[in-house]
Amino acid sequence: MRNSILIFLMVIFCFADLFAQQITKDELIFLTREWKGERFEDGRPKVSDELLNRMRLVTHDEAWAVMKNEGYFYQYADGWQILNPDSILIGRALTATFMPGRPDVHNAIDERGKAQGKKGQNSWPVDLLQKRDVYVADQFGIQINGPTIGDNVGNAIYAKSGNGIVYDGAIRDISGLKEIGGFTSYFGSYHPSHHNQQGNLNTMLVGINQPTRIRQVTVMPGDVVLGRDGGVSFIPPHLAEKVVVTSEIVRLRDMFGHERLREGKYTAGQIDTRWSDEIERDFSEWLNVHIDELPVPRSQIQEFLKNRTW
């Protein structure tokens, strides 16, 4: 009997070693091998601040079209409640995955964390946040006795990242969270209870900076989070520049087309279909004339013009 108990405990601790751990650097690099740019020390892709700044004008429609054409069909999630709904959430995903609590596994994970000087599983991912990260957590939609984020953890998240959250579960202390300026957040629901209260282990942290699921989306650490207009897009880092550049070209073409329509130079039918060579040449000339007045970096317009054949 004693040997059986020892074997059981060894299995549990070996099983727990798979959980609440950051993915290894080599594994994360392997899974995100399409990304060729800068990375964080732990291997997480680091899309540049400059691209994140330009991403603020991208719409979900534009991002979705690019990702769909690249074979990424399930990168958008909606149906959220939102703090600061008029704001836009942009940043790099740091992921966390929770599962329904199970005492043997929870306690094994917890004991190992305490041996490393950690307290409170809900704060472990928060401690890893860096500026411009977005805390992305799969809380499996739990509501009653589920919230792991209240105003204390929310303030810690904002202090470290300067950003908000995408949280597939319930939050608490909602009035206090609303007082945090810039804490633009997408969450499943609100409930005044707290996770794991009164010895009831409702949730446990099983993964940090590993692939996780948010609704129908597989989210990878380092994905660019675009939260606006009620929904969230998760953009693979290797597609971030293409999404931004495509959005900028669409924006410029719309500006040009609307201006020419107001002038009466072209009809709606001419602008709302594939442009003739004459209109394309006119567009290129318009870009040259207005290059310093447009809401797109001059260098990007010059690159676009250089690659045109007329």
C-alpha atoms as a PDB file:
ATOM      1  CA  MET A   1       0.000   0.000   0.000  1.00  0.00           C
ATOM      2  CA  ARG A   2       2.808   2.375   0.936  1.00  0.00           C
ATOM      3  CA  ASN A   3       4.604   1.668  -2.337  1.00  0.00           C
ATOM      4  CA  SER A   4       1.395   2.315  -4.250  1.00  0.00           C
ATOM      5  CA  ILE A   5       1.040   5.695  -2.578  1.00  0.00           C
ATOM      6  CA  LEU A   6       4.659   6.584  -3.367  1.00  0.00           C
ATOM      7  CA  ILE A   7       4.217   5.591  -6.999  1.00  0.00           C
ATOM      8  CA  PHE A   8       1.013   7.615  -7.191  1.00  0.00           C
ATOM      9  CA  LEU A   9       2.737  10.697  -5.764  1.00  0.00           C
ATOM     10  CA  MET A  10       5.657  10.298  -8.176  1.00  0.00           C
ATOM     11  CA  VAL A  11       3.238  10.122 -11.113  1.00  0.00           C
ATOM     12  CA  ILE A  12       1.412  13.231  -9.914  1.00  0.00           C
ATOM     13  CA  PHE A  13       4.607  15.245  -9.534  1.00  0.00           C
ATOM     14  CA  CYS A  14       5.899  14.091 -12.923  1.00  0.00           C
ATOM     15  CA  PHE A  15       2.524  14.972 -14.435  1.00  0.00           C
ATOM     16  CA  ALA A  16       2.591  18.362 -12.728  1.00  0.00           C
ATOM     17  CA  ASP A  17       6.033  19.033 -14.186  1.00  0.00           C
ATOM     18  CA  LEU A  18       4.271  19.432 -17.530  1.00  0.00           C
ATOM     19  CA  PHE A  19       2.071  22.149 -16.109  1.00  0.00           C
ATOM     20  CA  ALA A  20       2.378  25.754 -14.962  1.00  0.00           C
ATOM     21  CA  GLN A  21       5.679  25.914 -16.779  1.00  0.00           C
ATOM     22  CA  GLN A  22       6.831  28.212 -19.526  1.00  0.00           C
ATOM     23  CA  ILE A  23       7.414  26.431 -22.770  1.00  0.00           C
ATOM     24  CA  THR A  24      11.117  25.906 -23.416  1.00  0.00           C
ATOM     25  CA  LYS A  25      12.834  28.495 -25.553  1.00  0.00           C
ATOM     26  CA  ASP A  26      13.755  25.928 -28.214  1.00  0.00           C
ATOM     27  CA  GLU A  27      10.189  24.625 -28.400  1.00  0.00           C
ATOM     28  CA  LEU A  28       8.717  28.112 -28.682  1.00  0.00           C
ATOM     29  CA  ILE A  29      11.164  29.012 -31.443  1.00  0.00           C
ATOM     30  CA  PHE A  30      10.258  25.762 -33.214  1.00  0.00           C
ATOM     31  CA  LEU A  31       6.509  26.411 -33.013  1.00  0.00           C
ATOM     32  CA  THR A  32       6.905  30.014 -34.201  1.00  0.00           C
ATOM     33  CA  ARG A  33       9.561  29.291 -36.817  1.00  0.00           C
ATOM     34  CA  GLU A  34       7.814  31.450 -39.436  1.00  0.00           C
ATOM     35  CA  TRP A  35       8.901  34.479 -37.392  1.00  0.00           C
ATOM     36  CA  LYS A  36      12.383  35.641 -38.443  1.00  0.00           C
ATOM     37  CA  GLY A  37      12.661  38.796 -36.353  1.00  0.00           C
ATOM     38  CA  GLU A  38      13.669  39.789 -32.839  1.00  0.00           C
ATOM     39  CA  ARG A  39      12.678  37.644 -29.863  1.00  0.00           C
ATOM     40  CA  PHE A  40      12.443  38.037 -26.118  1.00  0.00           C
ATOM     41  CA  GLU A  41      14.977  36.202 -23.989  1.00  0.00           C
ATOM     42  CA  ASP A  42      12.522  33.323 -23.515  1.00  0.00           C
ATOM     43  CA  GLY A  43      12.065  32.926 -27.284  1.00  0.00           C
ATOM     44  CA  ARG A  44       8.751  34.734 -27.606  1.00  0.00           C
ATOM     45  CA  PRO A  45       8.473  36.669 -30.920  1.00  0.00           C
ATOM     46  CA  LYS A  46       8.864  40.424 -30.412  1.00  0.00           C
ATOM     47  CA  VAL A  47       7.020  42.379 -33.078  1.00  0.00           C
ATOM     48  CA  SER A  48       8.487  45.882 -33.120  1.00  0.00           C
ATOM     49  CA  ASP A  49       6.950  48.831 -31.287  1.00  0.00           C
ATOM     50  CA  GLU A  50       6.844  50.663 -34.628  1.00  0.00           C
ATOM     51  CA  LEU A  51       4.592  47.989 -36.140  1.00  0.00           C
ATOM     52  CA  LEU A  52       2.412  47.950 -33.028  1.00  0.00           C
ATOM     53  CA  ASN A  53       1.970  51.719 -33.369  1.00  0.00           C
ATOM     54  CA  ARG A  54       0.938  51.382 -37.009  1.00  0.00           C
ATOM     55  CA  MET A  55      -1.408  48.499 -36.118  1.00  0.00           C
ATOM     56  CA  ARG A  56      -3.734  50.914 -34.275  1.00  0.00           C
ATOM     57  CA  LEU A  57      -5.444  51.942 -37.508  1.00  0.00           C
ATOM     58  CA  VAL A  58      -5.956  48.387 -38.767  1.00  0.00           C
ATOM     59  CA  THR A  59      -9.535  47.087 -38.795  1.00  0.00           C
ATOM     60  CA  HIS A  60     -10.626  43.511 -38.145  1.00  0.00           C
ATOM     61  CA  ASP A  61     -11.864  43.305 -41.741  1.00  0.00           C
ATOM     62  CA  GLU A  62      -8.410  44.140 -43.078  1.00  0.00           C
ATOM     63  CA  ALA A  63      -6.606  41.796 -40.690  1.00  0.00           C
ATOM     64  CA  TRP A  64      -9.072  38.972 -41.348  1.00  0.00           C
ATOM     65  CA  ALA A  65      -8.706  39.261 -45.130  1.00  0.00           C
ATOM     66  CA  VAL A  66      -4.916  38.975 -44.983  1.00  0.00           C
ATOM     67  CA  MET A  67      -4.963  36.072 -42.523  1.00  0.00           C
ATOM     68  CA  LYS A  68      -7.679  34.224 -44.480  1.00  0.00           C
ATOM     69  CA  ASN A  69      -5.638  34.477 -47.663  1.00  0.00           C
ATOM     70  CA  GLU A  70      -2.683  32.965 -45.774  1.00  0.00           C
ATOM     71  CA  GLY A  71      -4.805  30.051 -44.543  1.00  0.00           C
ATOM     72  CA  TYR A  72      -5.535  31.331 -41.020  1.00  0.00           C
ATOM     73  CA  PHE A  73      -9.311  31.065 -40.748  1.00  0.00           C
ATOM     74  CA  TYR A  74      -9.876  31.107 -36.988  1.00  0.00           C
ATOM     75  CA  GLN A  75      -8.043  34.131 -35.584  1.00  0.00           C
ATOM     76  CA  TYR A  76     -11.009  36.297 -34.523  1.00  0.00           C
ATOM     77  CA  ALA A  77     -13.132  36.069 -31.375  1.00  0.00           C
ATOM     78  CA  ASP A  78     -16.112  38.189 -30.351  1.00  0.00           C
ATOM     79  CA  GLY A  79     -18.934  38.211 -27.818  1.00  0.00           C
ATOM     80  CA  TRP A  80     -16.943  40.029 -25.126  1.00  0.00           C
ATOM     81  CA  GLN A  81     -17.726  42.404 -22.337  1.00  0.00           C
ATOM     82  CA  ILE A  82     -15.301  45.320 -22.463  1.00  0.00           C
ATOM     83  CA  LEU A  83     -13.701  47.837 -20.149  1.00  0.00           C
ATOM     84  CA  ASN A  84     -12.992  51.112 -21.998  1.00  0.00           C
ATOM     85  CA  PRO A  85     -14.868  50.013 -25.144  1.00  0.00           C
ATOM     86  CA  ASP A  86     -13.910  53.151 -27.090  1.00  0.00           C
ATOM     87  CA  SER A  87     -10.208  52.364 -26.751  1.00  0.00           C
ATOM     88  CA  ILE A  88      -8.066  50.075 -28.876  1.00  0.00           C
ATOM     89  CA  LEU A  89      -6.035  47.233 -27.365  1.00  0.00           C
ATOM     90  CA  ILE A  90      -2.746  46.506 -29.143  1.00  0.00           C
ATOM     91  CA  GLY A  91       0.126  44.403 -27.862  1.00  0.00           C
ATOM     92  CA  ARG A  92       2.045  41.139 -27.790  1.00  0.00           C
ATOM     93  CA  ALA A  93       0.314  38.130 -26.257  1.00  0.00           C
ATOM     94  CA  LEU A  94       1.605  36.570 -23.065  1.00  0.00           C
ATOM     95  CA  THR A  95      -0.550  33.497 -22.539  1.00  0.00           C
ATOM     96  CA  ALA A  96      -1.872  31.633 -19.522  1.00  0.00           C
ATOM     97  CA  THR A  97      -4.049  28.528 -19.381  1.00  0.00           C
ATOM     98  CA  PHE A  98      -6.228  27.512 -16.441  1.00  0.00           C
ATOM     99  CA  MET A  99      -8.212  24.318 -15.942  1.00  0.00           C
ATOM    100  CA  PRO A 100     -10.883  23.226 -13.476  1.00  0.00           C
ATOM    101  CA  GLY A 101      -9.297  22.570 -10.095  1.00  0.00           C
ATOM    102  CA  ARG A 102      -8.253  19.067  -9.058  1.00  0.00           C
ATOM    103  CA  PRO A 103      -6.665  18.898  -5.586  1.00  0.00           C
ATOM    104  CA  ASP A 104      -3.833  16.444  -6.301  1.00  0.00           C
ATOM    105  CA  VAL A 105      -2.597  18.264  -9.406  1.00  0.00           C
ATOM    106  CA  HIS A 106      -3.275  21.738  -7.998  1.00  0.00           C
ATOM    107  CA  ASN A 107      -1.354  20.984  -4.818  1.00  0.00           C
ATOM    108  CA  ALA A 108       1.594  19.509  -6.698  1.00  0.00           C
ATOM    109  CA  ILE A 109       1.812  22.609  -8.905  1.00  0.00           C
ATOM    110  CA  ASP A 110       1.376  24.866  -5.892  1.00  0.00           C
ATOM    111  CA  GLU A 111       4.062  23.148  -3.823  1.00  0.00           C
ATOM    112  CA  ARG A 112       6.583  23.411  -6.606  1.00  0.00           C
ATOM    113  CA  GLY A 113       5.751  27.091  -7.072  1.00  0.00           C
ATOM    114  CA  LYS A 114       6.120  27.813  -3.365  1.00  0.00           C
ATOM    115  CA  ALA A 115       9.498  26.061  -3.392  1.00  0.00           C
ATOM    116  CA  GLN A 116      10.515  28.598  -6.036  1.00  0.00           C
ATOM    117  CA  GLY A 117       9.305  31.476  -3.887  1.00  0.00           C
ATOM    118  CA  LYS A 118       6.017  32.004  -5.732  1.00  0.00           C
ATOM    119  CA  LYS A 119       2.711  32.912  -4.145  1.00  0.00           C
ATOM    120  CA  GLY A 120      -0.760  32.707  -5.660  1.00  0.00           C
ATOM    121  CA  GLN A 121      -0.963  30.904  -9.008  1.00  0.00           C
ATOM    122  CA  ASN A 122      -3.019  33.721 -10.527  1.00  0.00           C
ATOM    123  CA  SER A 123      -0.027  36.071 -10.184  1.00  0.00           C
ATOM    124  CA  TRP A 124       2.608  33.826 -11.767  1.00  0.00           C
ATOM    125  CA  PRO A 125       1.976  34.881 -15.391  1.00  0.00           C
ATOM    126  CA  VAL A 126       1.554  38.509 -14.319  1.00  0.00           C
ATOM    127  CA  ASP A 127       5.110  38.537 -12.938  1.00  0.00           C
ATOM    128  CA  LEU A 128       6.427  37.810 -16.448  1.00  0.00           C
ATOM    129  CA  LEU A 129       4.651  40.653 -18.254  1.00  0.00           C
ATOM    130  CA  GLN A 130       6.688  43.276 -20.076  1.00  0.00           C
ATOM    131  CA  LYS A 131       5.734  46.629 -21.552  1.00  0.00           C
ATOM    132  CA  ARG A 132       3.211  46.395 -24.373  1.00  0.00           C
ATOM    133  CA  ASP A 133       2.272  42.820 -23.535  1.00  0.00           C
ATOM    134  CA  VAL A 134      -1.371  41.787 -23.373  1.00  0.00           C
ATOM    135  CA  TYR A 135      -2.264  39.185 -20.747  1.00  0.00           C
ATOM    136  CA  VAL A 136      -4.249  36.535 -22.665  1.00  0.00           C
ATOM    137  CA  ALA A 137      -5.815  33.912 -20.397  1.00  0.00           C
ATOM    138  CA  ASP A 138      -8.019  30.903 -21.021  1.00  0.00           C
ATOM    139  CA  GLN A 139     -10.130  30.712 -17.851  1.00  0.00           C
ATOM    140  CA  PHE A 140     -12.462  28.168 -19.559  1.00  0.00           C
ATOM    141  CA  GLY A 141     -15.401  30.565 -19.178  1.00  0.00           C
ATOM    142  CA  ILE A 142     -15.856  29.871 -15.459  1.00  0.00           C
ATOM    143  CA  GLN A 143     -17.973  32.401 -13.588  1.00  0.00           C
ATOM    144  CA  ILE A 144     -19.031  31.575 -10.011  1.00  0.00           C
ATOM    145  CA  ASN A 145     -15.927  31.224  -7.805  1.00  0.00           C
ATOM    146  CA  GLY A 146     -13.824  31.607 -10.948  1.00  0.00           C
ATOM    147  CA  PRO A 147     -12.354  35.125 -11.158  1.00  0.00           C
ATOM    148  CA  THR A 148      -8.563  35.284 -10.869  1.00  0.00           C
ATOM    149  CA  ILE A 149      -8.416  38.992 -11.793  1.00  0.00           C
ATOM    150  CA  GLY A 150      -9.681  41.768  -9.560  1.00  0.00           C
ATOM    151  CA  ASP A 151      -8.476  45.315  -9.006  1.00  0.00           C
ATOM    152  CA  ASN A 152      -5.234  44.260  -7.247  1.00  0.00           C
ATOM    153  CA  VAL A 153      -4.111  41.878  -9.995  1.00  0.00           C
ATOM    154  CA  GLY A 154      -5.446  44.329 -12.597  1.00  0.00           C
ATOM    155  CA  ASN A 155      -3.251  47.102 -11.210  1.00  0.00           C
ATOM    156  CA  ALA A 156      -0.257  44.757 -11.265  1.00  0.00           C
ATOM    157  CA  ILE A 157      -0.963  43.837 -14.890  1.00  0.00           C
ATOM    158  CA  TYR A 158      -1.242  47.470 -15.908  1.00  0.00           C
ATOM    159  CA  ALA A 159       1.881  48.503 -13.978  1.00  0.00           C
ATOM    160  CA  LYS A 160       3.965  45.879 -15.762  1.00  0.00           C
ATOM    161  CA  SER A 161       2.502  46.018 -19.265  1.00  0.00           C
ATOM    162  CA  GLY A 162       0.782  49.402 -19.584  1.00  0.00           C
ATOM    163  CA  ASN A 163      -1.931  47.367 -21.257  1.00  0.00           C
ATOM    164  CA  GLY A 164      -5.076  45.343 -20.630  1.00  0.00           C
ATOM    165  CA  ILE A 165      -6.274  41.762 -20.910  1.00  0.00           C
ATOM    166  CA  VAL A 166      -8.134  39.254 -23.052  1.00  0.00           C
ATOM    167  CA  TYR A 167      -9.645  36.970 -20.441  1.00  0.00           C
ATOM    168  CA  ASP A 168     -12.031  34.134 -21.294  1.00  0.00           C
ATOM    169  CA  GLY A 169     -13.668  34.001 -17.884  1.00  0.00           C
ATOM    170  CA  ALA A 170     -15.123  36.228 -15.189  1.00  0.00           C
ATOM    171  CA  ILE A 171     -13.434  39.197 -13.551  1.00  0.00           C
ATOM    172  CA  ARG A 172     -14.261  40.735 -10.176  1.00  0.00           C
ATOM    173  CA  ASP A 173     -13.863  44.197  -8.549  1.00  0.00           C
ATOM    174  CA  ILE A 174     -15.137  45.686 -11.778  1.00  0.00           C
ATOM    175  CA  SER A 175     -15.580  49.185 -10.350  1.00  0.00           C
ATOM    176  CA  GLY A 176     -11.934  49.217  -9.242  1.00  0.00           C
ATOM    177  CA  LEU A 177     -10.749  47.933 -12.618  1.00  0.00           C
ATOM    178  CA  LYS A 178     -12.639  50.719 -14.363  1.00  0.00           C
ATOM    179  CA  GLU A 179     -10.559  53.232 -12.405  1.00  0.00           C
ATOM    180  CA  ILE A 180      -7.317  51.995 -13.997  1.00  0.00           C
ATOM    181  CA  GLY A 181      -6.675  54.349 -16.891  1.00  0.00           C
ATOM    182  CA  GLY A 182      -5.778  52.570 -20.105  1.00  0.00           C
ATOM    183  CA  PHE A 183      -6.789  49.126 -18.839  1.00  0.00           C
ATOM    184  CA  THR A 184      -8.678  48.226 -22.012  1.00  0.00           C
ATOM    185  CA  SER A 185      -9.920  44.717 -21.405  1.00  0.00           C
ATOM    186  CA  TYR A 186     -11.994  42.026 -23.085  1.00  0.00           C
ATOM    187  CA  PHE A 187     -13.539  39.491 -20.707  1.00  0.00           C
ATOM    188  CA  GLY A 188     -16.288  36.898 -20.602  1.00  0.00           C
ATOM    189  CA  SER A 189     -18.358  38.008 -17.617  1.00  0.00           C
ATOM    190  CA  TYR A 190     -18.385  39.564 -14.166  1.00  0.00           C
ATOM    191  CA  HIS A 191     -18.892  37.879 -10.811  1.00  0.00           C
ATOM    192  CA  PRO A 192     -18.139  39.156  -7.295  1.00  0.00           C
ATOM    193  CA  SER A 193     -16.762  35.801  -6.081  1.00  0.00           C
ATOM    194  CA  HIS A 194     -13.108  34.769  -6.035  1.00  0.00           C
ATOM    195  CA  HIS A 195     -11.311  31.690  -7.348  1.00  0.00           C
ATOM    196  CA  ASN A 196     -10.319  28.959  -4.895  1.00  0.00           C
ATOM    197  CA  GLN A 197     -12.087  30.613  -1.976  1.00  0.00           C
ATOM    198  CA  GLN A 198     -12.809  28.756   1.240  1.00  0.00           C
ATOM    199  CA  GLY A 199     -10.677  25.806   0.203  1.00  0.00           C
ATOM    200  CA  ASN A 200     -12.692  25.150  -2.944  1.00  0.00           C
ATOM    201  CA  LEU A 201     -10.067  24.666  -5.660  1.00  0.00           C
ATOM    202  CA  ASN A 202     -12.068  25.823  -8.647  1.00  0.00           C
ATOM    203  CA  THR A 203      -9.178  26.648 -10.951  1.00  0.00           C
ATOM    204  CA  MET A 204      -5.528  25.816 -11.384  1.00  0.00           C
ATOM    205  CA  LEU A 205      -2.832  27.245 -13.619  1.00  0.00           C
ATOM    206  CA  VAL A 206      -1.557  24.602 -16.028  1.00  0.00           C
ATOM    207  CA  GLY A 207       0.446  26.610 -18.560  1.00  0.00           C
ATOM    208  CA  ILE A 208       2.336  29.876 -18.978  1.00  0.00           C
ATOM    209  CA  ASN A 209       3.442  31.168 -22.373  1.00  0.00           C
ATOM    210  CA  GLN A 210       2.304  28.014 -24.107  1.00  0.00           C
ATOM    211  CA  PRO A 211      -0.192  27.674 -26.964  1.00  0.00           C
ATOM    212  CA  THR A 212      -3.628  28.358 -25.528  1.00  0.00           C
ATOM    213  CA  ARG A 213      -7.216  28.522 -26.732  1.00  0.00           C
ATOM    214  CA  ILE A 214      -9.372  31.646 -26.625  1.00  0.00           C
ATOM    215  CA  ARG A 215     -12.845  30.718 -27.854  1.00  0.00           C
ATOM    216  CA  GLN A 216     -12.210  29.195 -31.305  1.00  0.00           C
ATOM    217  CA  VAL A 217      -8.721  30.696 -31.667  1.00  0.00           C
ATOM    218  CA  THR A 218      -5.386  29.037 -31.011  1.00  0.00           C
ATOM    219  CA  VAL A 219      -3.233  31.807 -29.559  1.00  0.00           C
ATOM    220  CA  MET A 220       0.549  31.648 -29.502  1.00  0.00           C
ATOM    221  CA  PRO A 221       2.839  33.649 -27.232  1.00  0.00           C
ATOM    222  CA  GLY A 222       3.933  36.706 -29.198  1.00  0.00           C
ATOM    223  CA  ASP A 223       0.809  36.941 -31.356  1.00  0.00           C
ATOM    224  CA  VAL A 224      -0.239  40.532 -31.960  1.00  0.00           C
ATOM    225  CA  VAL A 225      -3.495  41.255 -30.146  1.00  0.00           C
ATOM    226  CA  LEU A 226      -5.852  43.665 -31.917  1.00  0.00           C
ATOM    227  CA  GLY A 227      -8.865  44.506 -29.787  1.00  0.00           C
ATOM    228  CA  ARG A 228     -11.376  46.992 -31.130  1.00  0.00           C
ATOM    229  CA  ASP A 229     -15.026  47.407 -32.099  1.00  0.00           C
ATOM    230  CA  GLY A 230     -16.182  44.608 -29.797  1.00  0.00           C
ATOM    231  CA  GLY A 231     -13.870  41.865 -31.084  1.00  0.00           C
ATOM    232  CA  VAL A 232     -10.305  40.594 -30.823  1.00  0.00           C
ATOM    233  CA  SER A 233      -8.024  39.425 -33.630  1.00  0.00           C
ATOM    234  CA  PHE A 234      -4.892  37.414 -32.850  1.00  0.00           C
ATOM    235  CA  ILE A 235      -2.369  38.034 -35.614  1.00  0.00           C
ATOM    236  CA  PRO A 236       0.562  35.614 -36.033  1.00  0.00           C
ATOM    237  CA  PRO A 237       3.739  37.678 -35.673  1.00  0.00           C
ATOM    238  CA  HIS A 238       5.094  36.729 -39.101  1.00  0.00           C
ATOM    239  CA  LEU A 239       1.930  38.193 -40.678  1.00  0.00           C
ATOM    240  CA  ALA A 240       1.868  41.425 -38.643  1.00  0.00           C
ATOM    241  CA  GLU A 241       3.795  43.524 -41.164  1.00  0.00           C
ATOM    242  CA  LYS A 242       1.733  42.246 -44.086  1.00  0.00           C
ATOM    243  CA  VAL A 243      -1.478  43.070 -42.203  1.00  0.00           C
ATOM    244  CA  VAL A 244      -0.266  46.602 -41.453  1.00  0.00           C
ATOM    245  CA  VAL A 245       1.041  47.336 -44.947  1.00  0.00           C
ATOM    246  CA  THR A 246      -2.105  45.956 -46.602  1.00  0.00           C
ATOM    247  CA  SER A 247      -4.256  48.076 -44.301  1.00  0.00           C
ATOM    248  CA  GLU A 248      -2.245  51.181 -45.121  1.00  0.00           C
ATOM    249  CA  ILE A 249      -2.551  50.654 -48.881  1.00  0.00           C
ATOM    250  CA  VAL A 250      -6.297  50.059 -48.556  1.00  0.00           C
ATOM    251  CA  ARG A 251      -6.560  53.254 -46.499  1.00  0.00           C
ATOM    252  CA  LEU A 252      -4.689  55.274 -49.132  1.00  0.00           C
ATOM    253  CA  ARG A 253      -6.741  53.850 -51.985  1.00  0.00           C
ATOM    254  CA  ASP A 254      -9.930  54.714 -50.112  1.00  0.00           C
ATOM    255  CA  MET A 255      -8.744  58.289 -49.510  1.00  0.00           C
ATOM    256  CA  PHE A 256      -7.875  58.699 -53.187  1.00  0.00           C
ATOM    257  CA  GLY A 257     -11.089  57.097 -54.412  1.00  0.00           C
ATOM    258  CA  HIS A 258     -13.316  59.179 -52.150  1.00  0.00           C
ATOM    259  CA  GLU A 259     -11.554  62.379 -53.201  1.00  0.00           C
ATOM    260  CA  ARG A 260     -11.923  61.613 -56.894  1.00  0.00           C
ATOM    261  CA  LEU A 261     -15.605  60.696 -56.390  1.00  0.00           C
ATOM    262  CA  ARG A 262     -16.263  64.038 -54.685  1.00  0.00           C
ATOM    263  CA  GLU A 263     -14.522  65.810 -57.559  1.00  0.00           C
ATOM    264  CA  GLY A 264     -16.671  63.886 -60.045  1.00  0.00           C
ATOM    265  CA  LYS A 265     -13.600  62.697 -61.936  1.00  0.00           C
ATOM    266  CA  TYR A 266     -14.655  59.041 -61.793  1.00  0.00           C
ATOM    267  CA  THR A 267     -17.954  57.253 -61.285  1.00  0.00           C
ATOM    268  CA  ALA A 268     -18.736  54.961 -58.361  1.00  0.00           C
ATOM    269  CA  GLY A 269     -18.705  52.066 -60.803  1.00  0.00           C
ATOM    270  CA  GLN A 270     -15.146  52.884 -61.872  1.00  0.00           C
ATOM    271  CA  ILE A 271     -13.868  53.196 -58.291  1.00  0.00           C
ATOM    272  CA  ASP A 272     -15.803  50.276 -56.828  1.00  0.00           C
ATOM    273  CA  THR A 273     -14.342  47.693 -59.201  1.00  0.00           C
ATOM    274  CA  ARG A 274     -10.889  46.735 -60.431  1.00  0.00           C
ATOM    275  CA  TRP A 275      -9.169  49.976 -61.386  1.00  0.00           C
ATOM    276  CA  SER A 276      -8.103  50.661 -64.952  1.00  0.00           C
ATOM    277  CA  ASP A 277      -4.459  51.418 -65.735  1.00  0.00           C
ATOM    278  CA  GLU A 278      -5.440  55.075 -66.100  1.00  0.00           C
ATOM    279  CA  ILE A 279      -6.813  55.221 -62.532  1.00  0.00           C
ATOM    280  CA  GLU A 280      -3.807  53.318 -61.184  1.00  0.00           C
ATOM    281  CA  ARG A 281      -1.458  55.855 -62.782  1.00  0.00           C
ATOM    282  CA  ASP A 282      -3.555  58.678 -61.368  1.00  0.00           C
ATOM    283  CA  PHE A 283      -3.316  57.044 -57.927  1.00  0.00           C
ATOM    284  CA  SER A 284       0.493  56.859 -58.153  1.00  0.00           C
ATOM    285  CA  GLU A 285       0.696  60.540 -59.131  1.00  0.00           C
ATOM    286  CA  TRP A 286      -1.665  61.435 -56.282  1.00  0.00           C
ATOM    287  CA  LEU A 287       0.583  59.573 -53.812  1.00  0.00           C
ATOM    288  CA  ASN A 288       3.650  61.486 -55.030  1.00  0.00           C
ATOM    289  CA  VAL A 289       1.911  64.836 -54.697  1.00  0.00           C
ATOM    290  CA  HIS A 290       0.491  64.152 -51.212  1.00  0.00           C
ATOM    291  CA  ILE A 291       3.253  61.931 -49.822  1.00  0.00           C
ATOM    292  CA  ASP A 292       3.959  64.178 -46.821  1.00  0.00           C
ATOM    293  CA  GLU A 293       0.294  64.717 -45.953  1.00  0.00           C
ATOM    294  CA  LEU A 294      -0.887  61.115 -45.733  1.00  0.00           C
ATOM    295  CA  PRO A 295      -1.414  59.008 -42.559  1.00  0.00           C
ATOM    296  CA  VAL A 296       1.121  56.397 -43.682  1.00  0.00           C
ATOM    297  CA  PRO A 297       4.909  56.583 -43.224  1.00  0.00           C
ATOM    298  CA  ARG A 298       6.649  58.286 -46.160  1.00  0.00           C
ATOM    299  CA  SER A 299       9.082  55.356 -46.406  1.00  0.00           C
ATOM    300  CA  GLN A 300       6.209  52.912 -46.838  1.00  0.00           C
ATOM    301  CA  ILE A 301       4.636  54.973 -49.632  1.00  0.00           C
ATOM    302  CA  GLN A 302       8.007  55.232 -51.377  1.00  0.00           C
ATOM    303  CA  GLU A 303       8.434  51.445 -51.140  1.00  0.00           C
ATOM    304  CA  PHE A 304       4.963  50.936 -52.600  1.00  0.00           C
ATOM    305  CA  LEU A 305       5.644  53.333 -55.482  1.00  0.00           C
ATOM    306  CA  LYS A 306       8.997  51.715 -56.220  1.00  0.00           C
ATOM    307  CA  ASN A 307       7.336  48.356 -56.762  1.00  0.00           C
ATOM    308  CA  ARG A 308       4.662  49.645 -59.135  1.00  0.00           C
ATOM    309  CA  THR A 309       5.015  49.065 -62.873  1.00  0.00           C
ATOM    310  CA  TRP A 310       3.570  52.385 -64.091  1.00  0.00           C
END
